[in-house]
Protein backbone atom coordinates (compact mmCIF):
# COMPACT_ATOMS: atom_id res chain seq x y z
CA UNK A 1 137.21 39.74 -66.16
CA UNK A 2 138.49 37.07 -64.05
CA UNK A 3 135.03 36.68 -62.59
CA UNK A 4 133.36 36.41 -65.93
CA UNK A 5 135.90 33.71 -66.96
CA UNK A 6 135.12 31.90 -63.72
CA UNK A 7 131.46 31.66 -64.62
CA UNK A 8 131.92 30.64 -68.17
CA UNK A 9 134.28 27.79 -66.93
CA UNK A 10 131.72 26.65 -64.24
CA UNK A 11 128.94 26.46 -66.91
CA UNK A 12 131.01 24.66 -69.42
CA UNK A 13 132.00 22.33 -66.69
CA UNK A 14 128.49 21.82 -65.64
CA UNK A 15 127.33 21.36 -69.42
CA UNK A 16 130.02 18.84 -69.85
CA UNK A 17 129.14 16.90 -66.59
CA UNK A 18 125.47 16.77 -67.56
CA UNK A 19 126.08 15.46 -71.24
CA UNK A 20 128.53 12.90 -70.05
CA UNK A 21 126.26 11.64 -67.30
CA UNK A 22 123.36 11.27 -69.82
CA UNK A 23 125.58 9.33 -72.31
CA UNK A 24 126.66 6.81 -69.73
CA UNK A 25 123.12 5.27 -69.33
CA UNK A 26 121.22 5.97 -72.50
CA UNK A 27 117.59 5.45 -72.35
CA UNK A 28 116.67 2.52 -74.52
CA UNK A 29 114.32 3.76 -77.30
CA UNK A 30 112.26 1.69 -79.58
CA UNK A 31 113.38 1.85 -83.41
CA UNK A 32 111.32 1.02 -86.66
CA UNK A 33 111.93 -2.67 -86.46
CA UNK A 34 110.37 -2.56 -82.83
CA UNK A 35 107.31 -0.85 -84.56
CA UNK A 36 107.06 -3.70 -87.06
CA UNK A 37 106.87 -6.15 -83.98
CA UNK A 38 103.90 -4.06 -82.77
CA UNK A 39 102.41 -4.13 -86.13
CA UNK A 40 102.52 -7.88 -86.05
CA UNK A 41 100.70 -7.91 -82.66
CA UNK A 42 104.06 -8.72 -80.66
CA UNK A 43 105.55 -6.66 -77.88
CA UNK A 44 108.40 -4.37 -78.62
CA UNK A 45 110.66 -5.99 -75.73
CA UNK A 46 111.27 -9.20 -77.86
CA UNK A 47 114.30 -7.14 -79.42
CA UNK A 48 116.98 -5.18 -77.52
CA UNK A 49 117.66 -1.63 -77.75
CA UNK A 50 120.72 -1.53 -80.11
CA UNK A 51 121.87 0.03 -83.26
CA UNK A 52 120.00 -1.95 -85.99
CA UNK A 53 121.91 -1.53 -89.22
CA UNK A 54 119.28 -2.91 -91.39
CA UNK A 55 116.24 -4.99 -91.37
CA UNK A 56 114.01 -6.68 -94.12
CA UNK A 57 110.70 -8.31 -94.00
CA UNK A 58 109.13 -10.02 -97.11
CA UNK A 59 105.46 -9.06 -96.88
CA UNK A 60 104.43 -12.07 -98.94
CA UNK A 61 106.23 -15.01 -97.16
CA UNK A 62 106.87 -13.27 -93.87
CA UNK A 63 110.51 -14.02 -93.99
CA UNK A 64 112.69 -11.46 -92.17
CA UNK A 65 116.16 -10.68 -91.01
CA UNK A 66 117.32 -8.16 -88.47
CA UNK A 67 121.18 -7.03 -88.44
CA UNK A 68 121.74 -5.79 -84.98
CA UNK A 69 125.34 -4.73 -85.96
CA UNK A 70 126.78 -7.10 -83.18
CA UNK A 71 126.01 -9.63 -80.75
CA UNK A 72 124.39 -8.70 -77.22
CA UNK A 73 123.02 -9.84 -74.15
CA UNK A 74 120.25 -8.89 -71.99
CA UNK A 75 118.48 -10.15 -68.85
CA UNK A 76 114.92 -11.30 -69.68
CA UNK A 77 112.24 -10.68 -67.26
CA UNK A 78 110.71 -11.90 -64.91
CA UNK A 79 113.17 -14.89 -64.04
CA UNK A 80 116.24 -12.97 -65.20
CA UNK A 81 117.40 -15.51 -67.84
CA UNK A 82 120.30 -14.41 -69.91
CA UNK A 83 119.56 -14.00 -73.55
CA UNK A 84 122.13 -13.74 -76.20
CA UNK A 85 121.24 -12.10 -79.48
CA UNK A 86 123.36 -12.90 -82.50
CA UNK A 87 124.38 -10.15 -84.97
CA UNK A 88 121.80 -11.47 -87.40
CA UNK A 89 118.36 -12.64 -86.42
CA UNK A 90 116.20 -14.34 -89.02
CA UNK A 91 112.74 -16.14 -89.11
CA UNK A 92 109.45 -15.94 -90.44
CA UNK A 93 106.92 -13.60 -88.97
CA UNK A 94 103.00 -13.67 -89.30
CA UNK A 95 100.31 -11.83 -87.08
CA UNK A 96 101.01 -12.87 -83.68
CA UNK A 97 103.85 -15.37 -84.29
CA UNK A 98 107.49 -15.75 -85.13
CA UNK A 99 108.55 -19.25 -86.53
CA UNK A 100 111.83 -20.73 -87.88
CA UNK A 101 113.64 -18.27 -85.63
CA UNK A 102 117.39 -18.06 -85.47
CA UNK A 103 119.63 -15.85 -83.63
CA UNK A 104 118.26 -15.71 -80.12
CA UNK A 105 119.44 -18.09 -77.28
CA UNK A 106 118.64 -18.35 -73.76
CA UNK A 107 120.68 -19.66 -70.90
CA UNK A 108 118.88 -22.06 -68.55
CA UNK A 109 120.19 -24.99 -66.47
CA UNK A 110 123.58 -24.11 -67.24
CA UNK A 111 123.10 -24.49 -71.06
CA UNK A 112 122.44 -22.47 -74.09
CA UNK A 113 119.12 -23.00 -75.62
CA UNK A 114 117.92 -21.61 -78.96
CA UNK A 115 114.41 -19.98 -78.96
CA UNK A 116 113.08 -21.46 -82.23
CA UNK A 117 109.45 -19.46 -82.22
CA UNK A 118 107.35 -17.05 -80.30
CA UNK A 119 103.63 -17.07 -80.29
CA UNK A 120 101.17 -14.53 -78.78
CA UNK A 121 98.41 -16.38 -77.10
CA UNK A 122 95.99 -13.98 -75.08
CA UNK A 123 97.90 -12.17 -72.41
CA UNK A 124 100.81 -14.63 -72.85
CA UNK A 125 103.69 -15.26 -75.02
CA UNK A 126 104.68 -18.97 -75.75
CA UNK A 127 108.23 -19.44 -76.19
CA UNK A 128 109.38 -22.48 -78.27
CA UNK A 129 112.66 -24.16 -77.38
CA UNK A 130 113.13 -27.18 -79.34
CA UNK A 131 109.99 -29.35 -78.48
CA UNK A 132 109.53 -27.58 -75.08
CA UNK A 133 107.17 -24.53 -74.83
CA UNK A 134 107.23 -21.91 -71.98
CA UNK A 135 104.52 -19.31 -71.28
CA UNK A 136 105.26 -15.89 -69.89
CA UNK A 137 103.01 -12.77 -69.66
CA UNK A 138 103.33 -10.33 -72.45
CA UNK A 139 103.42 -7.56 -70.25
CA UNK A 140 107.11 -8.67 -69.35
CA UNK A 141 108.09 -7.56 -72.73
CA UNK A 142 106.51 -4.24 -73.03
CA UNK A 143 109.77 -2.21 -72.47
CA UNK A 144 112.77 -2.49 -74.71
CA UNK A 145 115.83 -3.38 -72.83
CA UNK A 146 119.45 -2.13 -73.66
CA UNK A 147 122.21 -4.59 -74.33
CA UNK A 148 124.33 -5.33 -71.39
CA UNK A 149 127.33 -5.90 -73.42
CA UNK A 150 128.62 -7.09 -76.89
CA UNK A 151 129.22 -10.71 -76.43
CA UNK A 152 128.43 -13.83 -78.40
CA UNK A 153 126.54 -16.90 -76.96
CA UNK A 154 128.98 -19.61 -75.89
């Protein structure tokens, strides 16, 4: 009897260990809003993997909003820029382009800069930051990244 109790305890402890280990670093998974990005010819890695409370896209005007449920930060490839996502992201999306973007900022040169637009251009993405544009390979955004923490941009 004591021997069978030991085995039950051992298997239960092992199960709890496996479950807790897998929940510590969950694998980022794309959601419906990531699929929408792909439908518009943009990579899914433009948005972090987080709980999306809701999103809306006006199919006529392209106006959209995404409620992430909370702000978060990720490190963008390939140059390891810190990006801050607000709880609410808005803009206007059409095939291969996001304009009037609000809610995504990137830290560069010791300052936070708002990304105001993103455009697909061949194998590259062109990010608009005010009057400046910066090109990065689209493949850098093929994977969805997990939020590193719930913070707001300062």
